[in-house]
Amino acid sequence: MADSTSHTVLAVALRARDGHLEVLLADGRLPEARVDVREPLESALARALDVAPLAHVEQLETRMLRDGPLATAYLGLAPTDARLDGDWQAEPKLPPDHAELVASAQARLRAKLSYTNVGFALAPATFTISELREIYVAALGHDVSATNLQRVLVRRGVLERLEGHRTPGRAGGRPASLFRFKSRELEVTDEFAALRPPHR
């Protein structure tokens, strides 16, 4: 058991890929690093994983772990096109503390997708509305209408349309318009909003 003065940093790095919200693991656990004496938590986090490819990082929570040490967890979000190699898993089997932190991170992300522009941190630089919808569906865990998503985000001034179109794939269809997030910094866009699951 660790002594009562030990402090560790845990990283909950998430990305939306192939219709799922994935978490980055290291040896079957969340990436972690022991905090040295008088070391800033952000420095320990940078030793736990490469933070450069992450588009957004924020402190999630601090808690005592079941095996003793005090732990500060960070939520990090990676765009779909970020080069961040490692063991990404959609439904990992984790120790209870780590599983609870992943659940907390997912809940934080899902809440912030409603009232901020944090979707920028999961999306590539440019995308179609259909591609953005896939990211939101993966992150939220429920279906979202592409038309409604576009209307909401454009009305809030979060997205802007770009010149040019995405060439149709093998299935054909009309060329799709391209968009991007106006800002790549976190902004509150509607503090009272909620992207709720559709009624059944």
C-alpha atoms as a PDB file:
ATOM      1  CA  MET A   1       0.000   0.000   0.000  1.00  0.00           C
ATOM      2  CA  ALA A   2       1.244   3.500  -0.852  1.00  0.00           C
ATOM      3  CA  ASP A   3       1.986   5.917   1.962  1.00  0.00           C
ATOM      4  CA  SER A   4      -0.548   8.635   2.767  1.00  0.00           C
ATOM      5  CA  THR A   5       1.592  11.385   1.253  1.00  0.00           C
ATOM      6  CA  SER A   6       1.860   9.825  -2.198  1.00  0.00           C
ATOM      7  CA  HIS A   7       0.086  11.565  -5.046  1.00  0.00           C
ATOM      8  CA  THR A   8      -0.455  10.278  -8.565  1.00  0.00           C
ATOM      9  CA  VAL A   9      -1.877  11.771 -11.746  1.00  0.00           C
ATOM     10  CA  LEU A  10      -4.251   9.734 -13.920  1.00  0.00           C
ATOM     11  CA  ALA A  11      -5.151  10.596 -17.515  1.00  0.00           C
ATOM     12  CA  VAL A  12      -8.563   9.861 -19.009  1.00  0.00           C
ATOM     13  CA  ALA A  13      -7.934  10.497 -22.712  1.00  0.00           C
ATOM     14  CA  LEU A  14     -11.009  10.063 -24.899  1.00  0.00           C
ATOM     15  CA  ARG A  15     -11.669  10.044 -28.638  1.00  0.00           C
ATOM     16  CA  ALA A  16     -14.665   9.256 -30.865  1.00  0.00           C
ATOM     17  CA  ARG A  17     -13.861   6.531 -33.361  1.00  0.00           C
ATOM     18  CA  ASP A  18     -15.966   4.065 -35.387  1.00  0.00           C
ATOM     19  CA  GLY A  19     -19.158   4.982 -33.572  1.00  0.00           C
ATOM     20  CA  HIS A  20     -17.694   4.538 -30.090  1.00  0.00           C
ATOM     21  CA  LEU A  21     -16.106   6.693 -27.409  1.00  0.00           C
ATOM     22  CA  GLU A  22     -12.690   5.155 -26.753  1.00  0.00           C
ATOM     23  CA  VAL A  23     -10.300   5.559 -23.819  1.00  0.00           C
ATOM     24  CA  LEU A  24      -6.514   5.327 -23.989  1.00  0.00           C
ATOM     25  CA  LEU A  25      -4.954   2.643 -21.776  1.00  0.00           C
ATOM     26  CA  ALA A  26      -1.436   1.785 -20.667  1.00  0.00           C
ATOM     27  CA  ASP A  27      -0.916  -1.814 -19.559  1.00  0.00           C
ATOM     28  CA  GLY A  28      -4.641  -2.271 -19.038  1.00  0.00           C
ATOM     29  CA  ARG A  29      -5.020   0.809 -16.850  1.00  0.00           C
ATOM     30  CA  LEU A  30      -5.335   4.552 -17.235  1.00  0.00           C
ATOM     31  CA  PRO A  31      -1.974   6.219 -17.952  1.00  0.00           C
ATOM     32  CA  GLU A  32      -0.512   7.496 -14.688  1.00  0.00           C
ATOM     33  CA  ALA A  33       2.548   9.084 -13.162  1.00  0.00           C
ATOM     34  CA  ARG A  34       3.673   9.613  -9.577  1.00  0.00           C
ATOM     35  CA  VAL A  35       3.876  13.295  -8.646  1.00  0.00           C
ATOM     36  CA  ASP A  36       7.336  14.222  -7.425  1.00  0.00           C
ATOM     37  CA  VAL A  37       7.830  16.565  -4.488  1.00  0.00           C
ATOM     38  CA  ARG A  38       6.930  20.148  -5.499  1.00  0.00           C
ATOM     39  CA  GLU A  39       6.247  18.995  -9.077  1.00  0.00           C
ATOM     40  CA  PRO A  40       3.327  20.733 -10.838  1.00  0.00           C
ATOM     41  CA  LEU A  41       0.494  18.331 -11.586  1.00  0.00           C
ATOM     42  CA  GLU A  42       0.641  19.284 -15.279  1.00  0.00           C
ATOM     43  CA  SER A  43       4.259  18.124 -15.439  1.00  0.00           C
ATOM     44  CA  ALA A  44       3.321  14.743 -14.018  1.00  0.00           C
ATOM     45  CA  LEU A  45       0.456  14.532 -16.500  1.00  0.00           C
ATOM     46  CA  ALA A  46       2.897  15.125 -19.357  1.00  0.00           C
ATOM     47  CA  ARG A  47       4.939  12.163 -18.087  1.00  0.00           C
ATOM     48  CA  ALA A  48       1.830   9.984 -17.976  1.00  0.00           C
ATOM     49  CA  LEU A  49       1.010  10.540 -21.653  1.00  0.00           C
ATOM     50  CA  ASP A  50       1.785  12.761 -24.629  1.00  0.00           C
ATOM     51  CA  VAL A  51      -0.541  15.734 -24.181  1.00  0.00           C
ATOM     52  CA  ALA A  52       0.537  17.521 -27.383  1.00  0.00           C
ATOM     53  CA  PRO A  53      -2.012  15.764 -29.655  1.00  0.00           C
ATOM     54  CA  LEU A  54      -4.871  16.497 -27.247  1.00  0.00           C
ATOM     55  CA  ALA A  55      -7.105  19.384 -28.304  1.00  0.00           C
ATOM     56  CA  HIS A  56      -8.478  19.974 -24.802  1.00  0.00           C
ATOM     57  CA  VAL A  57      -7.301  19.090 -21.296  1.00  0.00           C
ATOM     58  CA  GLU A  58      -8.982  19.885 -17.999  1.00  0.00           C
ATOM     59  CA  GLN A  59      -8.728  18.701 -14.418  1.00  0.00           C
ATOM     60  CA  LEU A  60     -11.497  16.204 -13.702  1.00  0.00           C
ATOM     61  CA  GLU A  61     -11.364  15.409  -9.972  1.00  0.00           C
ATOM     62  CA  THR A  62      -9.153  14.484  -7.041  1.00  0.00           C
ATOM     63  CA  ARG A  63      -9.896  11.446  -4.891  1.00  0.00           C
ATOM     64  CA  MET A  64      -8.338   8.843  -2.642  1.00  0.00           C
ATOM     65  CA  LEU A  65      -7.901   5.590  -4.519  1.00  0.00           C
ATOM     66  CA  ARG A  66      -8.827   2.283  -2.932  1.00  0.00           C
ATOM     67  CA  ASP A  67      -5.170   1.192  -2.861  1.00  0.00           C
ATOM     68  CA  GLY A  68      -4.104   4.260  -0.919  1.00  0.00           C
ATOM     69  CA  PRO A  69      -2.637   7.153  -2.909  1.00  0.00           C
ATOM     70  CA  LEU A  70      -4.296  10.485  -3.562  1.00  0.00           C
ATOM     71  CA  ALA A  71      -5.010  10.812  -7.283  1.00  0.00           C
ATOM     72  CA  THR A  72      -5.824  13.771  -9.496  1.00  0.00           C
ATOM     73  CA  ALA A  73      -7.475  12.800 -12.766  1.00  0.00           C
ATOM     74  CA  TYR A  74      -7.430  14.821 -15.954  1.00  0.00           C
ATOM     75  CA  LEU A  75      -9.793  14.625 -18.910  1.00  0.00           C
ATOM     76  CA  GLY A  76      -8.125  14.908 -22.299  1.00  0.00           C
ATOM     77  CA  LEU A  77      -9.866  14.934 -25.681  1.00  0.00           C
ATOM     78  CA  ALA A  78      -8.245  13.852 -28.930  1.00  0.00           C
ATOM     79  CA  PRO A  79      -9.567  14.729 -32.408  1.00  0.00           C
ATOM     80  CA  THR A  80     -10.366  11.806 -34.687  1.00  0.00           C
ATOM     81  CA  ASP A  81      -7.337  12.613 -36.847  1.00  0.00           C
ATOM     82  CA  ALA A  82      -4.847  13.114 -33.996  1.00  0.00           C
ATOM     83  CA  ARG A  83      -1.702  10.988 -34.039  1.00  0.00           C
ATOM     84  CA  LEU A  84      -1.780   9.509 -30.556  1.00  0.00           C
ATOM     85  CA  ASP A  85      -0.781   5.878 -30.661  1.00  0.00           C
ATOM     86  CA  GLY A  86      -1.609   3.441 -27.918  1.00  0.00           C
ATOM     87  CA  ASP A  87      -4.163   0.948 -26.694  1.00  0.00           C
ATOM     88  CA  TRP A  88      -7.513   2.620 -27.395  1.00  0.00           C
ATOM     89  CA  GLN A  89     -10.533   0.637 -26.183  1.00  0.00           C
ATOM     90  CA  ALA A  90     -14.259   1.326 -26.316  1.00  0.00           C
ATOM     91  CA  GLU A  91     -15.339  -0.808 -23.348  1.00  0.00           C
ATOM     92  CA  PRO A  92     -12.247  -1.605 -21.302  1.00  0.00           C
ATOM     93  CA  LYS A  93     -12.242  -3.778 -18.196  1.00  0.00           C
ATOM     94  CA  LEU A  94     -10.592  -1.552 -15.612  1.00  0.00           C
ATOM     95  CA  PRO A  95      -9.969  -1.531 -11.864  1.00  0.00           C
ATOM     96  CA  PRO A  96     -12.968   0.018 -10.055  1.00  0.00           C
ATOM     97  CA  ASP A  97     -11.299   3.387  -9.381  1.00  0.00           C
ATOM     98  CA  HIS A  98     -10.239   3.730 -13.011  1.00  0.00           C
ATOM     99  CA  ALA A  99     -13.647   2.634 -14.317  1.00  0.00           C
ATOM    100  CA  GLU A 100     -15.344   5.246 -12.116  1.00  0.00           C
ATOM    101  CA  LEU A 101     -13.020   7.969 -13.416  1.00  0.00           C
ATOM    102  CA  VAL A 102     -13.772   6.999 -17.012  1.00  0.00           C
ATOM    103  CA  ALA A 103     -17.508   7.174 -16.263  1.00  0.00           C
ATOM    104  CA  SER A 104     -17.011  10.581 -14.644  1.00  0.00           C
ATOM    105  CA  ALA A 105     -15.051  11.817 -17.665  1.00  0.00           C
ATOM    106  CA  GLN A 106     -17.722  10.577 -20.071  1.00  0.00           C
ATOM    107  CA  ALA A 107     -20.441  12.288 -18.035  1.00  0.00           C
ATOM    108  CA  ARG A 108     -18.449  15.549 -17.986  1.00  0.00           C
ATOM    109  CA  LEU A 109     -17.947  15.401 -21.757  1.00  0.00           C
ATOM    110  CA  ARG A 110     -21.606  14.624 -22.465  1.00  0.00           C
ATOM    111  CA  ALA A 111     -22.745  17.524 -20.314  1.00  0.00           C
ATOM    112  CA  LYS A 112     -20.308  19.959 -21.933  1.00  0.00           C
ATOM    113  CA  LEU A 113     -21.355  18.936 -25.453  1.00  0.00           C
ATOM    114  CA  SER A 114     -24.744  20.448 -24.604  1.00  0.00           C
ATOM    115  CA  TYR A 115     -23.681  23.905 -23.501  1.00  0.00           C
ATOM    116  CA  THR A 116     -20.180  24.476 -24.932  1.00  0.00           C
ATOM    117  CA  ASN A 117     -18.329  24.108 -28.231  1.00  0.00           C
ATOM    118  CA  VAL A 118     -16.165  21.261 -26.847  1.00  0.00           C
ATOM    119  CA  GLY A 119     -17.016  19.169 -29.899  1.00  0.00           C
ATOM    120  CA  PHE A 120     -14.073  20.918 -31.569  1.00  0.00           C
ATOM    121  CA  ALA A 121     -11.736  18.806 -29.430  1.00  0.00           C
ATOM    122  CA  LEU A 122     -13.100  15.564 -30.888  1.00  0.00           C
ATOM    123  CA  ALA A 123     -13.490  16.678 -34.494  1.00  0.00           C
ATOM    124  CA  PRO A 124     -10.904  17.073 -37.255  1.00  0.00           C
ATOM    125  CA  ALA A 125     -10.179  20.575 -38.586  1.00  0.00           C
ATOM    126  CA  THR A 126     -12.833  20.259 -41.311  1.00  0.00           C
ATOM    127  CA  PHE A 127     -15.788  17.896 -41.579  1.00  0.00           C
ATOM    128  CA  THR A 128     -19.243  17.363 -43.015  1.00  0.00           C
ATOM    129  CA  ILE A 129     -22.318  17.514 -40.803  1.00  0.00           C
ATOM    130  CA  SER A 130     -22.717  13.768 -41.252  1.00  0.00           C
ATOM    131  CA  GLU A 131     -19.177  13.204 -39.988  1.00  0.00           C
ATOM    132  CA  LEU A 132     -19.754  15.550 -37.039  1.00  0.00           C
ATOM    133  CA  ARG A 133     -22.998  13.732 -36.209  1.00  0.00           C
ATOM    134  CA  GLU A 134     -21.098  10.440 -35.956  1.00  0.00           C
ATOM    135  CA  ILE A 135     -18.730  12.040 -33.451  1.00  0.00           C
ATOM    136  CA  TYR A 136     -21.581  13.444 -31.341  1.00  0.00           C
ATOM    137  CA  VAL A 137     -23.461  10.131 -31.403  1.00  0.00           C
ATOM    138  CA  ALA A 138     -20.343   8.284 -30.229  1.00  0.00           C
ATOM    139  CA  ALA A 139     -19.672  10.804 -27.463  1.00  0.00           C
ATOM    140  CA  LEU A 140     -23.261  11.194 -26.277  1.00  0.00           C
ATOM    141  CA  GLY A 141     -24.185   7.538 -26.464  1.00  0.00           C
ATOM    142  CA  HIS A 142     -27.509   8.216 -28.198  1.00  0.00           C
ATOM    143  CA  ASP A 143     -28.754   9.199 -31.631  1.00  0.00           C
ATOM    144  CA  VAL A 144     -28.707  12.812 -32.815  1.00  0.00           C
ATOM    145  CA  SER A 145     -30.394  14.236 -35.887  1.00  0.00           C
ATOM    146  CA  ALA A 146     -27.847  15.688 -38.320  1.00  0.00           C
ATOM    147  CA  THR A 147     -30.321  18.410 -39.308  1.00  0.00           C
ATOM    148  CA  ASN A 148     -31.024  19.367 -35.696  1.00  0.00           C
ATOM    149  CA  LEU A 149     -27.325  19.281 -34.797  1.00  0.00           C
ATOM    150  CA  GLN A 150     -26.468  21.617 -37.666  1.00  0.00           C
ATOM    151  CA  ARG A 151     -29.311  23.988 -36.808  1.00  0.00           C
ATOM    152  CA  VAL A 152     -28.364  24.181 -33.130  1.00  0.00           C
ATOM    153  CA  LEU A 153     -24.619  24.659 -33.660  1.00  0.00           C
ATOM    154  CA  VAL A 154     -24.998  27.167 -36.500  1.00  0.00           C
ATOM    155  CA  ARG A 155     -27.577  29.153 -34.519  1.00  0.00           C
ATOM    156  CA  ARG A 156     -25.176  29.332 -31.573  1.00  0.00           C
ATOM    157  CA  GLY A 157     -22.404  30.562 -33.866  1.00  0.00           C
ATOM    158  CA  VAL A 158     -20.265  27.492 -33.194  1.00  0.00           C
ATOM    159  CA  LEU A 159     -19.826  26.303 -36.786  1.00  0.00           C
ATOM    160  CA  GLU A 160     -18.996  28.058 -40.020  1.00  0.00           C
ATOM    161  CA  ARG A 161     -19.439  26.761 -43.552  1.00  0.00           C
ATOM    162  CA  LEU A 162     -16.365  26.538 -45.745  1.00  0.00           C
ATOM    163  CA  GLU A 163     -15.941  26.818 -49.484  1.00  0.00           C
ATOM    164  CA  GLY A 164     -15.824  23.524 -51.334  1.00  0.00           C
ATOM    165  CA  HIS A 165     -17.488  20.162 -50.800  1.00  0.00           C
ATOM    166  CA  ARG A 166     -16.598  16.616 -49.818  1.00  0.00           C
ATOM    167  CA  THR A 167     -16.527  14.376 -52.893  1.00  0.00           C
ATOM    168  CA  PRO A 168     -19.195  11.649 -52.680  1.00  0.00           C
ATOM    169  CA  GLY A 169     -18.008   8.134 -51.919  1.00  0.00           C
ATOM    170  CA  ARG A 170     -18.731   4.964 -53.861  1.00  0.00           C
ATOM    171  CA  ALA A 171     -22.393   5.088 -52.864  1.00  0.00           C
ATOM    172  CA  GLY A 172     -22.770   8.354 -54.771  1.00  0.00           C
ATOM    173  CA  GLY A 173     -25.047  11.169 -53.673  1.00  0.00           C
ATOM    174  CA  ARG A 174     -24.602  14.911 -53.651  1.00  0.00           C
ATOM    175  CA  PRO A 175     -21.301  16.491 -52.577  1.00  0.00           C
ATOM    176  CA  ALA A 176     -21.526  17.410 -48.878  1.00  0.00           C
ATOM    177  CA  SER A 177     -20.785  20.889 -47.543  1.00  0.00           C
ATOM    178  CA  LEU A 178     -17.706  21.331 -45.364  1.00  0.00           C
ATOM    179  CA  PHE A 179     -17.709  22.989 -41.954  1.00  0.00           C
ATOM    180  CA  ARG A 180     -15.310  23.831 -39.158  1.00  0.00           C
ATOM    181  CA  PHE A 181     -15.593  25.059 -35.584  1.00  0.00           C
ATOM    182  CA  LYS A 182     -15.157  28.821 -35.410  1.00  0.00           C
ATOM    183  CA  SER A 183     -13.033  28.505 -32.278  1.00  0.00           C
ATOM    184  CA  ARG A 184     -10.615  25.804 -31.129  1.00  0.00           C
ATOM    185  CA  GLU A 185     -10.820  27.112 -27.563  1.00  0.00           C
ATOM    186  CA  LEU A 186     -13.489  26.094 -25.066  1.00  0.00           C
ATOM    187  CA  GLU A 187     -16.437  28.498 -24.974  1.00  0.00           C
ATOM    188  CA  VAL A 188     -19.824  28.378 -23.265  1.00  0.00           C
ATOM    189  CA  THR A 189     -22.445  28.704 -26.012  1.00  0.00           C
ATOM    190  CA  ASP A 190     -25.731  28.092 -24.169  1.00  0.00           C
ATOM    191  CA  GLU A 191     -25.531  27.489 -20.433  1.00  0.00           C
ATOM    192  CA  PHE A 192     -29.094  26.154 -20.258  1.00  0.00           C
ATOM    193  CA  ALA A 193     -28.906  23.734 -23.200  1.00  0.00           C
ATOM    194  CA  ALA A 194     -29.095  19.947 -23.132  1.00  0.00           C
ATOM    195  CA  LEU A 195     -28.665  17.403 -25.902  1.00  0.00           C
ATOM    196  CA  ARG A 196     -31.087  14.822 -24.563  1.00  0.00           C
ATOM    197  CA  PRO A 197     -31.723  11.341 -25.929  1.00  0.00           C
ATOM    198  CA  PRO A 198     -34.670  11.125 -28.339  1.00  0.00           C
ATOM    199  CA  HIS A 199     -38.039  10.177 -26.848  1.00  0.00           C
ATOM    200  CA  ARG A 200     -38.896   6.512 -27.193  1.00  0.00           C
END
